[in-house]
């Protein structure tokens, strides 16, 4: 129980912060879902394609946080506080440069990338391209925010990101209301899905401003002394990048898989003449499933801090206990949530897609299928983050690559548009994938190799 209490104490702030940040994206989907019927369905389908594409760019460069958190946790456990501050300084240099590059690259790549991914989905293609290009303007802010977040997570101050995330989400919802629907009194035009994109970008930079202001508090400046040019150290930057690249590749692989997943659903929509119904239903299920996997990733992030600090204190057995106990908590939580998905799938989907009754009906069976893989998904997501905390980033990246393109994508293509099992077929493939992820990550964590990694 002391182990569980510490993971929960650290993890609850990360859960709340990540859920709040995740609601920035869910709010976009839920609020455009309240536009007029066909416009709402096309907009939600467009989001389903655009968001994985956006996160493939943003998530790759935001992986600077993986190396930052792992190394910061080690230095903190060694009581080398200025060393931890030096890690943040070098992480911020990397984040600013790569974030600006990611913004430009993502903006330029959106028309061709989304032109392919959304080709089978009718009206969603143009909407997806426009929304993605707007969101790409926020990549730089997101990457720098993740560098700060990783530092605070590494020193055990997991609640800091919560403050920024709550403010960001509240601001995003307010802006969404005005930008999506318009307001004649204030002279704000209706921008629909594009308005949701602008609101998210503005909110992202607000969140960055808040977390940067927290870092300016005297307690942190005096203890960690981050902002000094003398801290510039190519060796530290090299270590961060060495951990960043495999973590970023894992994110790109994950998002590429889900983007292709959405393409297959769009092909099913096109073949069956259902407009964007299946695409909107799939996006709704992804948002609902996010209520499961975001807390699991958050608990994994807290576990990564505990694992990193335990290894820094030369306590590898304690590090292992943290991983297994956190997984146990995740499994129990998923059993409870899975019961709700089985019992009332249509009302749950209708919370996200209320204006088109065909969407909840189309997604109900698929949401029930998802519940089968939730316990193993808990193990996979928690332990993959724990392995990031130990520095086993290359293993996680290679495992994700093999599972996605060796299994998930081919299975989704085969069971969905090829053999004709429809939307349910692609979700069976997704469930099989998350189950396999749990088995692979569990087997790796059970081994001894990750305990010996030096950072």
Protein backbone atom coordinates (compact mmCIF):
# COMPACT_ATOMS: atom_id res chain seq x y z
CA UNK A 1 0.00 0.00 0.00
CA UNK A 2 2.79 2.57 0.59
CA UNK A 3 3.86 1.97 -3.02
CA UNK A 4 0.31 2.32 -4.30
CA UNK A 5 -0.22 5.47 -2.23
CA UNK A 6 2.87 7.14 -3.66
CA UNK A 7 1.95 6.28 -7.25
CA UNK A 8 -1.59 7.52 -6.64
CA UNK A 9 -0.35 10.67 -4.88
CA UNK A 10 1.90 11.53 -7.82
CA UNK A 11 -0.42 10.08 -10.43
CA UNK A 12 -3.65 11.80 -9.43
CA UNK A 13 -2.24 15.19 -10.43
CA UNK A 14 -0.96 13.80 -13.73
CA UNK A 15 -4.33 12.11 -14.34
CA UNK A 16 -6.21 15.33 -13.73
CA UNK A 17 -3.75 17.34 -15.85
CA UNK A 18 -3.77 14.90 -18.76
CA UNK A 19 -7.55 14.51 -18.65
CA UNK A 20 -7.90 18.27 -18.61
CA UNK A 21 -5.46 18.63 -21.50
CA UNK A 22 -7.20 15.80 -23.31
CA UNK A 23 -10.48 17.64 -22.90
CA UNK A 24 -9.04 20.38 -25.13
CA UNK A 25 -9.29 17.87 -27.96
CA UNK A 26 -12.52 16.24 -26.76
CA UNK A 27 -14.12 19.66 -26.42
CA UNK A 28 -13.40 20.30 -30.08
CA UNK A 29 -15.16 17.08 -31.05
CA UNK A 30 -18.09 17.46 -28.67
CA UNK A 31 -18.73 21.08 -29.59
CA UNK A 32 -18.51 20.66 -33.37
CA UNK A 33 -20.80 17.67 -32.82
CA UNK A 34 -23.47 20.20 -31.87
CA UNK A 35 -23.44 21.86 -35.28
CA UNK A 36 -26.18 20.96 -37.77
CA UNK A 37 -26.47 17.22 -38.54
CA UNK A 38 -24.40 16.64 -41.71
CA UNK A 39 -21.92 19.43 -40.88
CA UNK A 40 -21.41 17.96 -37.42
CA UNK A 41 -20.85 14.42 -38.72
CA UNK A 42 -18.36 15.54 -41.41
CA UNK A 43 -16.49 17.72 -38.89
CA UNK A 44 -16.19 14.89 -36.38
CA UNK A 45 -14.96 12.51 -39.08
CA UNK A 46 -12.41 15.16 -40.13
CA UNK A 47 -11.17 15.42 -36.55
CA UNK A 48 -10.77 11.65 -36.43
CA UNK A 49 -8.27 11.82 -39.30
CA UNK A 50 -6.63 15.15 -38.45
CA UNK A 51 -5.84 14.50 -34.78
CA UNK A 52 -3.59 11.43 -35.27
CA UNK A 53 -1.82 13.32 -38.06
CA UNK A 54 -1.32 16.34 -35.79
CA UNK A 55 -0.07 14.19 -32.90
CA UNK A 56 2.36 12.37 -35.18
CA UNK A 57 4.21 15.68 -35.58
CA UNK A 58 3.55 17.23 -32.19
CA UNK A 59 4.07 13.97 -30.32
CA UNK A 60 7.39 13.21 -32.00
CA UNK A 61 8.98 16.49 -30.96
CA UNK A 62 7.18 16.57 -27.59
CA UNK A 63 9.03 13.31 -26.84
CA UNK A 64 11.80 15.60 -25.60
CA UNK A 65 9.89 15.12 -22.35
CA UNK A 66 10.73 11.40 -22.18
CA UNK A 67 14.46 12.00 -21.93
CA UNK A 68 14.02 15.08 -19.76
CA UNK A 69 11.92 13.28 -17.17
CA UNK A 70 14.13 10.18 -16.99
CA UNK A 71 17.38 12.12 -16.53
CA UNK A 72 15.84 14.72 -14.20
CA UNK A 73 14.49 11.94 -11.97
CA UNK A 74 17.95 10.39 -11.69
CA UNK A 75 19.61 13.71 -10.82
CA UNK A 76 16.93 14.53 -8.27
CA UNK A 77 17.37 11.15 -6.56
CA UNK A 78 21.13 11.85 -6.41
CA UNK A 79 20.35 15.24 -4.73
CA UNK A 80 22.07 16.93 -7.67
CA UNK A 81 19.52 19.73 -7.95
CA UNK A 82 21.56 22.04 -10.16
CA UNK A 83 22.20 19.07 -12.40
CA UNK A 84 18.42 18.66 -12.70
CA UNK A 85 18.13 22.35 -13.58
CA UNK A 86 20.83 21.93 -16.22
CA UNK A 87 18.77 19.16 -17.79
CA UNK A 88 15.78 21.52 -18.12
CA UNK A 89 17.88 24.27 -19.72
CA UNK A 90 19.20 21.94 -22.40
CA UNK A 91 15.75 20.41 -22.90
CA UNK A 92 14.30 23.88 -23.52
CA UNK A 93 16.96 24.62 -26.16
CA UNK A 94 16.03 21.40 -27.94
CA UNK A 95 12.30 22.06 -27.52
CA UNK A 96 12.37 25.56 -29.01
CA UNK A 97 14.40 24.54 -32.06
CA UNK A 98 12.58 21.29 -32.80
CA UNK A 99 9.19 22.78 -31.99
CA UNK A 100 9.58 25.52 -34.59
CA UNK A 101 10.79 22.98 -37.13
CA UNK A 102 7.84 20.69 -36.32
CA UNK A 103 5.38 23.55 -36.77
CA UNK A 104 6.71 24.35 -40.26
CA UNK A 105 7.03 20.72 -41.34
CA UNK A 106 3.55 19.79 -40.14
CA UNK A 107 1.91 22.79 -41.80
CA UNK A 108 3.53 22.05 -45.17
CA UNK A 109 2.81 18.31 -44.98
CA UNK A 110 -0.89 18.56 -44.07
CA UNK A 111 -2.42 18.89 -47.58
CA UNK A 112 -0.70 15.82 -49.04
CA UNK A 113 -0.85 13.71 -45.88
CA UNK A 114 -4.51 14.32 -45.13
CA UNK A 115 -5.40 14.29 -48.80
CA UNK A 116 -4.39 10.62 -48.71
CA UNK A 117 -5.77 9.68 -45.29
CA UNK A 118 -9.17 11.32 -45.82
CA UNK A 119 -9.54 10.41 -49.50
CA UNK A 120 -12.31 7.88 -48.88
CA UNK A 121 -14.38 10.00 -46.55
CA UNK A 122 -16.25 12.54 -48.66
CA UNK A 123 -16.68 15.99 -47.11
CA UNK A 124 -14.15 15.43 -44.35
CA UNK A 125 -11.03 15.90 -46.51
CA UNK A 126 -10.99 19.70 -46.89
CA UNK A 127 -12.13 20.16 -43.30
CA UNK A 128 -9.35 17.90 -42.02
CA UNK A 129 -6.63 19.73 -43.97
CA UNK A 130 -7.76 23.16 -42.77
CA UNK A 131 -8.05 22.07 -39.13
CA UNK A 132 -4.68 20.29 -39.12
CA UNK A 133 -2.83 23.28 -40.58
CA UNK A 134 -4.30 25.52 -37.91
CA UNK A 135 -3.36 23.08 -35.12
CA UNK A 136 0.19 22.79 -36.45
CA UNK A 137 0.71 26.43 -35.47
CA UNK A 138 0.60 25.24 -31.85
CA UNK A 139 3.23 22.49 -32.13
CA UNK A 140 6.07 24.72 -30.91
CA UNK A 141 4.13 25.75 -27.80
CA UNK A 142 3.17 22.16 -27.06
CA UNK A 143 6.76 20.90 -27.32
CA UNK A 144 8.15 23.55 -24.96
CA UNK A 145 5.30 22.88 -22.52
CA UNK A 146 6.19 19.17 -22.49
CA UNK A 147 9.81 20.00 -21.64
CA UNK A 148 8.68 21.97 -18.57
CA UNK A 149 6.14 19.28 -17.67
CA UNK A 150 8.80 16.56 -17.82
CA UNK A 151 11.08 18.50 -15.48
CA UNK A 152 8.37 19.01 -12.88
CA UNK A 153 7.26 15.39 -13.19
CA UNK A 154 10.88 14.28 -12.74
CA UNK A 155 11.25 16.12 -9.43
CA UNK A 156 7.88 14.81 -8.23
CA UNK A 157 5.92 18.07 -8.66
CA UNK A 158 3.32 16.44 -10.88
CA UNK A 159 0.64 18.93 -9.82
CA UNK A 160 2.31 21.85 -11.62
CA UNK A 161 1.11 20.82 -15.06
CA UNK A 162 -2.42 20.50 -13.68
CA UNK A 163 -2.61 24.24 -13.03
CA UNK A 164 -1.66 25.01 -16.61
CA UNK A 165 -3.91 22.32 -18.06
CA UNK A 166 -7.03 23.42 -16.16
CA UNK A 167 -6.58 27.04 -17.22
CA UNK A 168 -5.90 25.99 -20.79
CA UNK A 169 -9.00 23.82 -21.00
CA UNK A 170 -11.36 26.40 -19.51
CA UNK A 171 -10.03 29.03 -21.90
CA UNK A 172 -10.35 26.62 -24.84
CA UNK A 173 -14.01 25.87 -24.12
CA UNK A 174 -14.83 29.58 -23.88
CA UNK A 175 -13.07 30.34 -27.16
CA UNK A 176 -14.67 27.31 -28.80
CA UNK A 177 -18.11 28.65 -27.95
CA UNK A 178 -17.43 31.95 -29.71
CA UNK A 179 -15.28 30.69 -32.60
CA UNK A 180 -17.25 27.56 -33.57
CA UNK A 181 -20.77 29.00 -33.43
CA UNK A 182 -19.99 32.71 -33.85
CA UNK A 183 -21.45 35.65 -31.93
CA UNK A 184 -23.22 38.46 -33.76
CA UNK A 185 -23.19 40.77 -30.74
CA UNK A 186 -19.39 40.68 -30.52
CA UNK A 187 -18.93 40.52 -34.27
CA UNK A 188 -17.32 37.06 -34.18
CA UNK A 189 -18.11 35.05 -37.35
CA UNK A 190 -19.07 31.38 -37.26
CA UNK A 191 -15.90 29.41 -38.08
CA UNK A 192 -17.15 25.87 -37.28
CA UNK A 193 -14.28 23.33 -37.18
CA UNK A 194 -11.63 25.93 -38.06
CA UNK A 195 -12.72 27.93 -35.02
CA UNK A 196 -12.06 24.92 -32.81
CA UNK A 197 -8.54 24.77 -34.23
CA UNK A 198 -7.81 28.43 -33.49
CA UNK A 199 -9.18 28.08 -29.95
CA UNK A 200 -6.90 25.09 -29.27
CA UNK A 201 -3.79 26.87 -30.56
CA UNK A 202 -4.42 29.98 -28.46
CA UNK A 203 -5.08 27.81 -25.40
CA UNK A 204 -1.86 25.85 -25.96
CA UNK A 205 0.24 29.00 -25.69
CA UNK A 206 -1.71 30.11 -22.64
CA UNK A 207 -0.80 26.81 -20.95
CA UNK A 208 2.86 27.33 -21.85
CA UNK A 209 2.81 30.81 -20.36
CA UNK A 210 1.39 29.52 -17.07
CA UNK A 211 3.85 26.65 -16.60
CA UNK A 212 6.75 28.95 -17.53
CA UNK A 213 5.59 31.45 -14.89
CA UNK A 214 5.49 28.70 -12.26
CA UNK A 215 9.12 27.86 -13.11
CA UNK A 216 9.97 31.50 -12.34
CA UNK A 217 9.03 31.09 -8.67
CA UNK A 218 11.99 31.85 -6.45
CA UNK A 219 12.00 28.39 -4.86
CA UNK A 220 12.64 26.72 -8.23
CA UNK A 221 15.02 29.38 -9.59
CA UNK A 222 17.24 29.32 -6.51
CA UNK A 223 17.28 25.56 -6.01
CA UNK A 224 17.65 24.37 -9.61
CA UNK A 225 19.13 27.47 -11.32
CA UNK A 226 17.95 26.52 -14.81
CA UNK A 227 18.33 29.70 -16.86
CA UNK A 228 22.10 29.99 -17.28
CA UNK A 229 23.97 29.87 -20.58
CA UNK A 230 26.78 28.13 -18.70
CA UNK A 231 24.40 25.16 -18.43
CA UNK A 232 24.60 24.59 -22.19
CA UNK A 233 26.03 21.10 -22.52
CA UNK A 234 26.11 19.16 -25.80
CA UNK A 235 26.56 15.89 -23.91
CA UNK A 236 23.34 16.38 -21.93
CA UNK A 237 21.54 17.43 -25.10
CA UNK A 238 22.83 14.30 -26.77
CA UNK A 239 21.48 12.11 -23.95
CA UNK A 240 18.07 13.79 -24.12
CA UNK A 241 17.92 13.40 -27.90
CA UNK A 242 19.06 9.78 -27.63
CA UNK A 243 16.02 9.06 -25.44
CA UNK A 244 13.77 11.46 -27.37
CA UNK A 245 14.16 9.84 -30.79
CA UNK A 246 12.91 6.33 -29.96
CA UNK A 247 10.09 7.76 -27.85
CA UNK A 248 9.13 10.11 -30.67
CA UNK A 249 9.29 7.30 -33.21
CA UNK A 250 6.98 5.25 -30.98
CA UNK A 251 4.48 8.14 -31.01
CA UNK A 252 4.71 8.56 -34.78
CA UNK A 253 4.17 4.83 -35.27
CA UNK A 254 1.19 4.90 -32.93
CA UNK A 255 -0.41 7.87 -34.65
CA UNK A 256 0.37 6.62 -38.16
CA UNK A 257 -1.39 3.39 -37.27
CA UNK A 258 -4.48 5.19 -36.01
CA UNK A 259 -4.48 7.56 -39.00
CA UNK A 260 -4.50 4.55 -41.37
CA UNK A 261 -7.16 3.05 -39.12
CA UNK A 262 -9.33 6.10 -39.79
CA UNK A 263 -8.62 5.82 -43.51
CA UNK A 264 -9.93 2.26 -43.51
CA UNK A 265 -13.08 3.42 -41.72
CA UNK A 266 -13.49 6.15 -44.36
CA UNK A 267 -13.23 3.53 -47.09
CA UNK A 268 -16.00 1.55 -45.38
CA UNK A 269 -18.15 4.71 -45.23
CA UNK A 270 -17.53 5.28 -48.93
CA UNK A 271 -18.26 1.67 -49.92
CA UNK A 272 -21.50 1.49 -47.94
CA UNK A 273 -22.69 4.99 -48.83
CA UNK A 274 -23.07 6.06 -45.20
CA UNK A 275 -21.50 9.50 -45.64
CA UNK A 276 -19.23 10.05 -42.64
CA UNK A 277 -21.26 8.10 -40.08
CA UNK A 278 -18.68 5.41 -39.32
CA UNK A 279 -15.88 7.98 -39.26
CA UNK A 280 -17.78 10.12 -36.74
CA UNK A 281 -18.61 7.03 -34.65
CA UNK A 282 -14.97 5.92 -34.65
CA UNK A 283 -13.81 9.37 -33.57
CA UNK A 284 -16.41 9.32 -30.78
CA UNK A 285 -15.18 5.90 -29.59
CA UNK A 286 -11.58 7.13 -29.65
CA UNK A 287 -12.52 10.07 -27.46
CA UNK A 288 -14.43 7.82 -25.08
CA UNK A 289 -11.57 5.31 -24.98
CA UNK A 290 -9.30 8.24 -24.25
CA UNK A 291 -11.02 8.57 -20.89
CA UNK A 292 -9.44 5.16 -20.23
CA UNK A 293 -6.01 5.40 -21.79
CA UNK A 294 -5.16 8.97 -20.76
CA UNK A 295 -5.39 8.16 -17.02
CA UNK A 296 -3.39 4.99 -17.67
CA UNK A 297 -0.66 6.97 -19.41
CA UNK A 298 -0.82 9.46 -16.54
CA UNK A 299 -0.34 6.73 -13.94
CA UNK A 300 2.43 5.41 -16.15
CA UNK A 301 4.04 8.85 -16.09
CA UNK A 302 3.90 8.89 -12.29
CA UNK A 303 5.30 5.36 -12.26
CA UNK A 304 8.10 6.48 -14.57
CA UNK A 305 9.08 9.13 -12.00
CA UNK A 306 9.10 6.51 -9.23
CA UNK A 307 11.06 4.03 -11.37
CA UNK A 308 13.61 6.65 -12.41
CA UNK A 309 14.12 7.90 -8.86
CA UNK A 310 14.34 4.35 -7.48
CA UNK A 311 17.00 3.41 -10.02
CA UNK A 312 18.86 6.64 -9.25
CA UNK A 313 18.83 5.60 -5.57
CA UNK A 314 20.10 2.12 -6.58
CA UNK A 315 16.86 0.35 -5.62
CA UNK A 316 15.91 -1.68 -8.72
CA UNK A 317 13.58 -4.05 -6.86
CA UNK A 318 11.58 -1.10 -5.57
CA UNK A 319 11.42 0.25 -9.13
CA UNK A 320 9.91 -3.06 -10.28
CA UNK A 321 7.34 -3.03 -7.48
CA UNK A 322 6.18 0.42 -8.56
CA UNK A 323 5.50 -0.86 -12.08
CA UNK A 324 3.51 -3.90 -10.99
CA UNK A 325 1.45 -2.14 -8.34
CA UNK A 326 0.54 0.68 -10.73
CA UNK A 327 -0.52 -1.91 -13.31
CA UNK A 328 -2.74 -3.59 -10.73
CA UNK A 329 -4.53 -0.30 -10.00
CA UNK A 330 -4.99 0.27 -13.73
CA UNK A 331 -6.51 -3.17 -14.29
CA UNK A 332 -9.07 -2.69 -11.52
CA UNK A 333 -10.07 0.70 -12.89
CA UNK A 334 -10.51 -0.70 -16.41
CA UNK A 335 -12.77 -3.50 -15.17
CA UNK A 336 -15.13 -0.92 -13.69
CA UNK A 337 -15.10 1.31 -16.79
CA UNK A 338 -15.51 -1.69 -19.09
CA UNK A 339 -18.72 -2.61 -17.27
CA UNK A 340 -20.22 0.77 -18.19
CA UNK A 341 -19.19 0.40 -21.83
CA UNK A 342 -20.87 -3.00 -22.01
CA UNK A 343 -24.07 -1.84 -20.32
CA UNK A 344 -24.87 1.49 -22.00
CA UNK A 345 -22.73 2.04 -25.14
CA UNK A 346 -25.22 4.11 -27.15
CA UNK A 347 -25.95 6.74 -24.44
CA UNK A 348 -22.20 7.08 -23.85
CA UNK A 349 -21.48 7.70 -27.55
CA UNK A 350 -24.44 10.11 -27.71
CA UNK A 351 -22.70 12.33 -25.15
CA UNK A 352 -20.12 13.14 -27.85
CA UNK A 353 -22.37 12.88 -30.93
CA UNK A 354 -25.86 14.03 -29.90
CA UNK A 355 -27.18 15.49 -33.18
CA UNK A 356 -27.01 12.43 -35.45
CA UNK A 357 -28.77 9.34 -34.02
CA UNK A 358 -27.09 7.13 -36.65
CA UNK A 359 -23.67 7.68 -35.04
CA UNK A 360 -24.34 6.07 -31.60
CA UNK A 361 -26.17 3.22 -33.31
CA UNK A 362 -23.23 2.59 -35.65
CA UNK A 363 -20.66 2.59 -32.84
CA UNK A 364 -22.39 0.62 -30.06
CA UNK A 365 -21.07 -2.84 -30.96
CA UNK A 366 -17.54 -1.54 -31.50
CA UNK A 367 -17.49 0.11 -28.08
CA UNK A 368 -18.50 -3.21 -26.53
CA UNK A 369 -15.65 -4.91 -28.42
CA UNK A 370 -13.17 -2.41 -26.97
CA UNK A 371 -13.93 -3.55 -23.42
CA UNK A 372 -12.32 -6.96 -24.04
CA UNK A 373 -8.85 -5.45 -24.30
CA UNK A 374 -9.03 -2.89 -21.49
CA UNK A 375 -7.24 -4.91 -18.73
CA UNK A 376 -4.27 -5.78 -20.95
CA UNK A 377 -4.27 -2.21 -22.27
CA UNK A 378 -3.74 -1.07 -18.68
CA UNK A 379 -0.63 -3.22 -18.39
CA UNK A 380 0.72 -2.11 -21.77
CA UNK A 381 0.28 1.62 -21.26
CA UNK A 382 1.46 1.78 -17.64
CA UNK A 383 4.55 -0.39 -18.18
CA UNK A 384 5.56 1.28 -21.45
CA UNK A 385 5.77 4.58 -19.56
CA UNK A 386 7.62 2.87 -16.71
CA UNK A 387 10.15 1.54 -19.25
CA UNK A 388 10.57 5.09 -20.57
CA UNK A 389 11.41 6.12 -17.01
CA UNK A 390 14.06 3.39 -16.87
CA UNK A 391 15.57 4.49 -20.19
CA UNK A 392 14.39 1.48 -22.24
CA UNK A 393 13.04 3.79 -24.94
CA UNK A 394 14.48 1.86 -27.88
CA UNK A 395 12.70 -1.34 -26.86
CA UNK A 396 9.35 0.44 -26.57
CA UNK A 397 9.80 2.10 -29.97
CA UNK A 398 10.76 -1.14 -31.73
CA UNK A 399 7.91 -3.04 -30.07
CA UNK A 400 5.39 -0.37 -31.13
CA UNK A 401 6.74 -0.42 -34.69
CA UNK A 402 6.47 -4.19 -34.98
CA UNK A 403 3.02 -4.42 -33.39
CA UNK A 404 1.59 -1.55 -35.43
CA UNK A 405 2.84 -2.29 -38.90
CA UNK A 406 3.38 -5.99 -38.46
CA UNK A 407 -0.01 -6.66 -36.92
CA UNK A 408 -2.44 -3.81 -36.20
CA UNK A 409 -2.54 -2.04 -39.59
CA UNK A 410 -2.64 -5.26 -41.69
CA UNK A 411 -5.31 -6.77 -39.41
CA UNK A 412 -7.47 -3.61 -39.56
CA UNK A 413 -7.16 -3.53 -43.36
CA UNK A 414 -7.97 -7.24 -43.66
CA UNK A 415 -10.87 -7.40 -41.20
CA UNK A 416 -12.38 -4.06 -42.22
CA UNK A 417 -12.60 -3.00 -45.88
CA UNK A 418 -11.07 -6.17 -47.39
CA UNK A 419 -13.05 -9.06 -45.87
CA UNK A 420 -16.11 -6.89 -45.30
CA UNK A 421 -16.50 -7.11 -41.52
CA UNK A 422 -16.99 -3.35 -41.49
CA UNK A 423 -16.35 -1.01 -38.58
CA UNK A 424 -16.55 -3.86 -36.08
CA UNK A 425 -13.74 -5.64 -37.93
CA UNK A 426 -11.30 -2.74 -37.56
CA UNK A 427 -12.14 -2.45 -33.87
CA UNK A 428 -11.48 -6.17 -33.36
CA UNK A 429 -8.01 -5.51 -34.81
CA UNK A 430 -7.52 -2.57 -32.42
CA UNK A 431 -8.55 -4.71 -29.44
CA UNK A 432 -6.15 -7.48 -30.46
CA UNK A 433 -3.37 -4.89 -30.78
CA UNK A 434 -3.78 -3.39 -27.29
CA UNK A 435 -3.92 -6.89 -25.83
CA UNK A 436 -0.66 -7.83 -27.56
CA UNK A 437 0.90 -4.58 -26.31
CA UNK A 438 0.09 -5.58 -22.73
CA UNK A 439 1.68 -8.99 -23.16
CA UNK A 440 4.88 -7.59 -24.74
CA UNK A 441 5.39 -4.80 -22.22
CA UNK A 442 4.61 -7.12 -19.32
CA UNK A 443 7.19 -9.65 -20.55
CA UNK A 444 9.85 -6.95 -20.92
CA UNK A 445 9.20 -5.50 -17.48
CA UNK A 446 9.39 -8.99 -16.00
CA UNK A 447 12.93 -9.33 -17.34
CA UNK A 448 15.98 -7.83 -15.60
CA UNK A 449 17.68 -5.88 -18.41
CA UNK A 450 15.95 -2.51 -17.91
CA UNK A 451 17.22 -2.32 -14.31
CA UNK A 452 20.83 -1.97 -15.50
CA UNK A 453 20.43 0.97 -17.90
CA UNK A 454 22.68 3.94 -17.06
CA UNK A 455 21.65 7.53 -17.81
